[in-house]
Amino acid sequence: MSLGCDRKWDFECTAAWSEDGVEVWQKVYSYPQMQDEHAATAQCKQEMLEAKPKRANSAVCHCVGQE
């Protein structure tokens, strides 16, 4: 569910890699001042594929630092 970030926020994205349905690795990426959740998610997916292209499973982003 989107938090409806309607202006630039800092985003935290969790990337997960799975093997046979079991999560085997996870990494958290931080993106300051991204335009929106979609931009942060796209960046996270790109970075997770560069880091470990095989078994990349999901990228979930959320806003952090909202007042």
PDB file of N, CA and C in Angstrom:
ATOM      1  N   MET A   1       0.842  -1.185   0.000  1.00  0.00           N
ATOM      2  CA  MET A   1       0.000   0.000   0.000  1.00  0.00           C
ATOM      3  C   MET A   1       0.884   1.245   0.000  1.00  0.00           C
ATOM      4  N   SER A   2       0.596   2.155  -0.866  1.00  0.00           N
ATOM      5  CA  SER A   2       1.381   3.380  -0.969  1.00  0.00           C
ATOM      6  C   SER A   2       1.012   4.334   0.153  1.00  0.00           C
ATOM      7  N   LEU A   3       2.013   5.031   0.638  1.00  0.00           N
ATOM      8  CA  LEU A   3       1.759   6.021   1.677  1.00  0.00           C
ATOM      9  C   LEU A   3       1.379   7.367   1.080  1.00  0.00           C
ATOM     10  N   GLY A   4       1.305   7.445  -0.237  1.00  0.00           N
ATOM     11  CA  GLY A   4       0.882   8.667  -0.884  1.00  0.00           C
ATOM     12  C   GLY A   4       1.872   9.801  -0.725  1.00  0.00           C
ATOM     13  N   CYS A   5       3.127   9.523  -0.931  1.00  0.00           N
ATOM     14  CA  CYS A   5       4.148  10.556  -0.817  1.00  0.00           C
ATOM     15  C   CYS A   5       3.958  11.534  -1.968  1.00  0.00           C
ATOM     16  N   ASP A   6       3.553  12.742  -1.674  1.00  0.00           N
ATOM     17  CA  ASP A   6       3.210  13.671  -2.741  1.00  0.00           C
ATOM     18  C   ASP A   6       4.267  14.743  -2.958  1.00  0.00           C
ATOM     19  N   ARG A   7       5.391  14.631  -2.292  1.00  0.00           N
ATOM     20  CA  ARG A   7       6.518  15.516  -2.559  1.00  0.00           C
ATOM     21  C   ARG A   7       7.788  14.743  -2.248  1.00  0.00           C
ATOM     22  N   LYS A   8       8.926  15.363  -2.452  1.00  0.00           N
ATOM     23  CA  LYS A   8      10.180  14.614  -2.288  1.00  0.00           C
ATOM     24  C   LYS A   8      10.384  14.190  -0.832  1.00  0.00           C
ATOM     25  N   TRP A   9      10.628  12.898  -0.664  1.00  0.00           N
ATOM     26  CA  TRP A   9      10.882  12.323   0.653  1.00  0.00           C
ATOM     27  C   TRP A   9      12.115  11.439   0.566  1.00  0.00           C
ATOM     28  N   ASP A  10      12.607  11.090   1.727  1.00  0.00           N
ATOM     29  CA  ASP A  10      13.638  10.061   1.782  1.00  0.00           C
ATOM     30  C   ASP A  10      12.918   8.709   1.764  1.00  0.00           C
ATOM     31  N   PHE A  11      13.453   7.779   1.008  1.00  0.00           N
ATOM     32  CA  PHE A  11      12.854   6.451   0.909  1.00  0.00           C
ATOM     33  C   PHE A  11      13.834   5.398   1.386  1.00  0.00           C
ATOM     34  N   GLU A  12      13.279   4.364   1.986  1.00  0.00           N
ATOM     35  CA  GLU A  12      14.053   3.202   2.372  1.00  0.00           C
ATOM     36  C   GLU A  12      13.458   2.029   1.611  1.00  0.00           C
ATOM     37  N   CYS A  13      14.306   1.293   0.917  1.00  0.00           N
ATOM     38  CA  CYS A  13      13.832   0.185   0.095  1.00  0.00           C
ATOM     39  C   CYS A  13      14.517  -1.105   0.521  1.00  0.00           C
ATOM     40  N   THR A  14      13.720  -2.135   0.674  1.00  0.00           N
ATOM     41  CA  THR A  14      14.249  -3.443   1.037  1.00  0.00           C
ATOM     42  C   THR A  14      14.200  -4.348  -0.185  1.00  0.00           C
ATOM     43  N   ALA A  15      15.348  -4.829  -0.589  1.00  0.00           N
ATOM     44  CA  ALA A  15      15.455  -5.760  -1.710  1.00  0.00           C
ATOM     45  C   ALA A  15      15.645  -7.161  -1.147  1.00  0.00           C
ATOM     46  N   ALA A  16      14.977  -8.135  -1.768  1.00  0.00           N
ATOM     47  CA  ALA A  16      15.075  -9.512  -1.286  1.00  0.00           C
ATOM     48  C   ALA A  16      15.377 -10.457  -2.442  1.00  0.00           C
ATOM     49  N   TRP A  17      16.162 -11.446  -2.135  1.00  0.00           N
ATOM     50  CA  TRP A  17      16.499 -12.501  -3.093  1.00  0.00           C
ATOM     51  C   TRP A  17      16.018 -13.826  -2.517  1.00  0.00           C
ATOM     52  N   SER A  18      15.411 -14.640  -3.349  1.00  0.00           N
ATOM     53  CA  SER A  18      14.863 -15.916  -2.886  1.00  0.00           C
ATOM     54  C   SER A  18      15.380 -17.071  -3.727  1.00  0.00           C
ATOM     55  N   GLU A  19      15.419 -18.220  -3.096  1.00  0.00           N
ATOM     56  CA  GLU A  19      15.784 -19.455  -3.790  1.00  0.00           C
ATOM     57  C   GLU A  19      14.795 -20.524  -3.360  1.00  0.00           C
ATOM     58  N   ASP A  20      14.098 -21.101  -4.317  1.00  0.00           N
ATOM     59  CA  ASP A  20      13.072 -22.115  -4.036  1.00  0.00           C
ATOM     60  C   ASP A  20      12.041 -21.609  -3.036  1.00  0.00           C
ATOM     61  N   GLY A  21      11.646 -20.347  -3.165  1.00  0.00           N
ATOM     62  CA  GLY A  21      10.608 -19.778  -2.311  1.00  0.00           C
ATOM     63  C   GLY A  21      11.075 -19.346  -0.931  1.00  0.00           C
ATOM     64  N   VAL A  22      12.360 -19.474  -0.652  1.00  0.00           N
ATOM     65  CA  VAL A  22      12.896 -19.101   0.656  1.00  0.00           C
ATOM     66  C   VAL A  22      13.829 -17.903   0.487  1.00  0.00           C
ATOM     67  N   GLU A  23      13.595 -16.880   1.290  1.00  0.00           N
ATOM     68  CA  GLU A  23      14.457 -15.702   1.202  1.00  0.00           C
ATOM     69  C   GLU A  23      15.861 -16.057   1.668  1.00  0.00           C
ATOM     70  N   VAL A  24      16.852 -15.771   0.817  1.00  0.00           N
ATOM     71  CA  VAL A  24      18.227 -16.136   1.141  1.00  0.00           C
ATOM     72  C   VAL A  24      19.117 -14.923   1.406  1.00  0.00           C
ATOM     73  N   TRP A  25      18.669 -13.745   0.976  1.00  0.00           N
ATOM     74  CA  TRP A  25      19.492 -12.553   1.189  1.00  0.00           C
ATOM     75  C   TRP A  25      18.608 -11.329   1.129  1.00  0.00           C
ATOM     76  N   GLN A  26      18.975 -10.311   1.908  1.00  0.00           N
ATOM     77  CA  GLN A  26      18.205  -9.071   1.928  1.00  0.00           C
ATOM     78  C   GLN A  26      19.158  -7.902   2.089  1.00  0.00           C
ATOM     79  N   LYS A  27      18.836  -6.799   1.458  1.00  0.00           N
ATOM     80  CA  LYS A  27      19.646  -5.592   1.589  1.00  0.00           C
ATOM     81  C   LYS A  27      18.722  -4.385   1.602  1.00  0.00           C
ATOM     82  N   VAL A  28      19.044  -3.421   2.457  1.00  0.00           N
ATOM     83  CA  VAL A  28      18.251  -2.196   2.541  1.00  0.00           C
ATOM     84  C   VAL A  28      19.021  -1.067   1.866  1.00  0.00           C
ATOM     85  N   TYR A  29      18.349  -0.390   0.953  1.00  0.00           N
ATOM     86  CA  TYR A  29      18.915   0.762   0.253  1.00  0.00           C
ATOM     87  C   TYR A  29      18.204   2.015   0.740  1.00  0.00           C
ATOM     88  N   SER A  30      18.933   3.118   0.822  1.00  0.00           N
ATOM     89  CA  SER A  30      18.336   4.401   1.195  1.00  0.00           C
ATOM     90  C   SER A  30      18.487   5.377   0.043  1.00  0.00           C
ATOM     91  N   TYR A  31      17.411   6.089  -0.244  1.00  0.00           N
ATOM     92  CA  TYR A  31      17.410   7.066  -1.329  1.00  0.00           C
ATOM     93  C   TYR A  31      16.897   8.401  -0.803  1.00  0.00           C
ATOM     94  N   PRO A  32      17.769   9.390  -0.675  1.00  0.00           N
ATOM     95  CA  PRO A  32      17.315  10.698  -0.205  1.00  0.00           C
ATOM     96  C   PRO A  32      16.644  11.488  -1.321  1.00  0.00           C
ATOM     97  N   GLN A  33      15.561  12.136  -0.962  1.00  0.00           N
ATOM     98  CA  GLN A  33      14.890  13.097  -1.843  1.00  0.00           C
ATOM     99  C   GLN A  33      14.504  12.537  -3.208  1.00  0.00           C
ATOM    100  N   MET A  34      13.951  11.348  -3.229  1.00  0.00           N
ATOM    101  CA  MET A  34      13.426  10.804  -4.484  1.00  0.00           C
ATOM    102  C   MET A  34      12.084  11.459  -4.773  1.00  0.00           C
ATOM    103  N   GLN A  35      11.718  11.502  -6.040  1.00  0.00           N
ATOM    104  CA  GLN A  35      10.491  12.182  -6.451  1.00  0.00           C
ATOM    105  C   GLN A  35       9.244  11.496  -5.892  1.00  0.00           C
ATOM    106  N   ASP A  36       9.213  10.161  -5.984  1.00  0.00           N
ATOM    107  CA  ASP A  36       8.058   9.421  -5.482  1.00  0.00           C
ATOM    108  C   ASP A  36       8.440   7.955  -5.260  1.00  0.00           C
ATOM    109  N   GLU A  37       7.479   7.199  -4.763  1.00  0.00           N
ATOM    110  CA  GLU A  37       7.726   5.793  -4.434  1.00  0.00           C
ATOM    111  C   GLU A  37       8.086   4.978  -5.678  1.00  0.00           C
ATOM    112  N   HIS A  38       7.475   5.306  -6.816  1.00  0.00           N
ATOM    113  CA  HIS A  38       7.765   4.565  -8.049  1.00  0.00           C
ATOM    114  C   HIS A  38       9.217   4.773  -8.483  1.00  0.00           C
ATOM    115  N   ALA A  39       9.709   6.002  -8.367  1.00  0.00           N
ATOM    116  CA  ALA A  39      11.102   6.291  -8.736  1.00  0.00           C
ATOM    117  C   ALA A  39      12.063   5.546  -7.818  1.00  0.00           C
ATOM    118  N   ALA A  40      11.755   5.535  -6.528  1.00  0.00           N
ATOM    119  CA  ALA A  40      12.610   4.833  -5.570  1.00  0.00           C
ATOM    120  C   ALA A  40      12.602   3.331  -5.841  1.00  0.00           C
ATOM    121  N   THR A  41      11.425   2.776  -6.128  1.00  0.00           N
ATOM    122  CA  THR A  41      11.324   1.342  -6.401  1.00  0.00           C
ATOM    123  C   THR A  41      12.092   0.973  -7.666  1.00  0.00           C
ATOM    124  N   ALA A  42      11.977   1.793  -8.695  1.00  0.00           N
ATOM    125  CA  ALA A  42      12.700   1.526  -9.946  1.00  0.00           C
ATOM    126  C   ALA A  42      14.206   1.546  -9.716  1.00  0.00           C
ATOM    127  N   GLN A  43      14.683   2.507  -8.943  1.00  0.00           N
ATOM    128  CA  GLN A  43      16.111   2.598  -8.638  1.00  0.00           C
ATOM    129  C   GLN A  43      16.560   1.382  -7.839  1.00  0.00           C
ATOM    130  N   CYS A  44      15.739   0.977  -6.877  1.00  0.00           N
ATOM    131  CA  CYS A  44      16.067  -0.180  -6.044  1.00  0.00           C
ATOM    132  C   CYS A  44      16.145  -1.449  -6.894  1.00  0.00           C
ATOM    133  N   LYS A  45      15.177  -1.640  -7.789  1.00  0.00           N
ATOM    134  CA  LYS A  45      15.192  -2.829  -8.649  1.00  0.00           C
ATOM    135  C   LYS A  45      16.433  -2.849  -9.526  1.00  0.00           C
ATOM    136  N   GLN A  46      16.806  -1.694 -10.046  1.00  0.00           N
ATOM    137  CA  GLN A  46      17.998  -1.617 -10.892  1.00  0.00           C
ATOM    138  C   GLN A  46      19.244  -1.985 -10.091  1.00  0.00           C
ATOM    139  N   GLU A  47      19.360  -1.438  -8.885  1.00  0.00           N
ATOM    140  CA  GLU A  47      20.549  -1.715  -8.068  1.00  0.00           C
ATOM    141  C   GLU A  47      20.596  -3.160  -7.602  1.00  0.00           C
ATOM    142  N   MET A  48      19.437  -3.737  -7.266  1.00  0.00           N
ATOM    143  CA  MET A  48      19.458  -5.119  -6.791  1.00  0.00           C
ATOM    144  C   MET A  48      19.832  -6.071  -7.924  1.00  0.00           C
ATOM    145  N   LEU A  49      19.420  -5.759  -9.153  1.00  0.00           N
ATOM    146  CA  LEU A  49      19.802  -6.607 -10.284  1.00  0.00           C
ATOM    147  C   LEU A  49      21.284  -6.473 -10.596  1.00  0.00           C
ATOM    148  N   GLU A  50      21.831  -5.281 -10.389  1.00  0.00           N
ATOM    149  CA  GLU A  50      23.271  -5.097 -10.588  1.00  0.00           C
ATOM    150  C   GLU A  50      24.067  -5.829  -9.514  1.00  0.00           C
ATOM    151  N   ALA A  51      23.561  -5.825  -8.283  1.00  0.00           N
ATOM    152  CA  ALA A  51      24.268  -6.467  -7.173  1.00  0.00           C
ATOM    153  C   ALA A  51      24.237  -7.991  -7.301  1.00  0.00           C
ATOM    154  N   LYS A  52      23.061  -8.536  -7.523  1.00  0.00           N
ATOM    155  CA  LYS A  52      22.896  -9.992  -7.638  1.00  0.00           C
ATOM    156  C   LYS A  52      21.773 -10.265  -8.628  1.00  0.00           C
ATOM    157  N   PRO A  53      22.105 -10.431  -9.892  1.00  0.00           N
ATOM    158  CA  PRO A  53      21.046 -10.594 -10.896  1.00  0.00           C
ATOM    159  C   PRO A  53      20.218 -11.865 -10.752  1.00  0.00           C
ATOM    160  N   LYS A  54      20.802 -12.911 -10.208  1.00  0.00           N
ATOM    161  CA  LYS A  54      20.056 -14.162 -10.078  1.00  0.00           C
ATOM    162  C   LYS A  54      19.251 -14.181  -8.788  1.00  0.00           C
ATOM    163  N   ARG A  55      18.030 -14.671  -8.904  1.00  0.00           N
ATOM    164  CA  ARG A  55      17.133 -14.865  -7.762  1.00  0.00           C
ATOM    165  C   ARG A  55      16.624 -13.569  -7.140  1.00  0.00           C
ATOM    166  N   ALA A  56      16.791 -12.443  -7.816  1.00  0.00           N
ATOM    167  CA  ALA A  56      16.214 -11.196  -7.301  1.00  0.00           C
ATOM    168  C   ALA A  56      14.705 -11.377  -7.249  1.00  0.00           C
ATOM    169  N   ASN A  57      14.102 -11.075  -6.119  1.00  0.00           N
ATOM    170  CA  ASN A  57      12.705 -11.424  -5.909  1.00  0.00           C
ATOM    171  C   ASN A  57      11.796 -10.216  -5.745  1.00  0.00           C
ATOM    172  N   SER A  58      12.145  -9.286  -4.880  1.00  0.00           N
ATOM    173  CA  SER A  58      11.233  -8.172  -4.633  1.00  0.00           C
ATOM    174  C   SER A  58      11.982  -6.939  -4.165  1.00  0.00           C
ATOM    175  N   ALA A  59      11.353  -5.803  -4.415  1.00  0.00           N
ATOM    176  CA  ALA A  59      11.866  -4.519  -3.938  1.00  0.00           C
ATOM    177  C   ALA A  59      10.681  -3.749  -3.375  1.00  0.00           C
ATOM    178  N   VAL A  60      10.735  -3.437  -2.090  1.00  0.00           N
ATOM    179  CA  VAL A  60       9.633  -2.748  -1.431  1.00  0.00           C
ATOM    180  C   VAL A  60      10.159  -1.454  -0.828  1.00  0.00           C
ATOM    181  N   CYS A  61       9.523  -0.338  -1.191  1.00  0.00           N
ATOM    182  CA  CYS A  61       9.977   0.968  -0.720  1.00  0.00           C
ATOM    183  C   CYS A  61       8.902   1.648   0.118  1.00  0.00           C
ATOM    184  N   HIS A  62       9.356   2.450   1.063  1.00  0.00           N
ATOM    185  CA  HIS A  62       8.425   3.258   1.851  1.00  0.00           C
ATOM    186  C   HIS A  62       9.093   4.571   2.232  1.00  0.00           C
ATOM    187  N   CYS A  63       8.269   5.561   2.538  1.00  0.00           N
ATOM    188  CA  CYS A  63       8.772   6.876   2.935  1.00  0.00           C
ATOM    189  C   CYS A  63       9.333   6.807   4.347  1.00  0.00           C
ATOM    190  N   VAL A  64      10.378   7.562   4.575  1.00  0.00           N
ATOM    191  CA  VAL A  64      10.892   7.718   5.930  1.00  0.00           C
ATOM    192  C   VAL A  64      11.058   9.207   6.193  1.00  0.00           C
ATOM    193  N   GLY A  65      10.952   9.601   7.436  1.00  0.00           N
ATOM    194  CA  GLY A  65      11.210  10.982   7.804  1.00  0.00           C
ATOM    195  C   GLY A  65      10.061  11.932   7.555  1.00  0.00           C
ATOM    196  N   GLN A  66       8.838  11.419   7.393  1.00  0.00           N
ATOM    197  CA  GLN A  66       7.708  12.322   7.227  1.00  0.00           C
ATOM    198  C   GLN A  66       7.407  13.013   8.544  1.00  0.00           C
ATOM    199  N   GLU A  67       6.989  14.260   8.451  1.00  0.00           N
ATOM    200  CA  GLU A  67       6.691  15.002   9.681  1.00  0.00           C
ATOM    201  C   GLU A  67       5.236  14.868  10.034  1.00  0.00           C
TER     202      GLU A  67
END
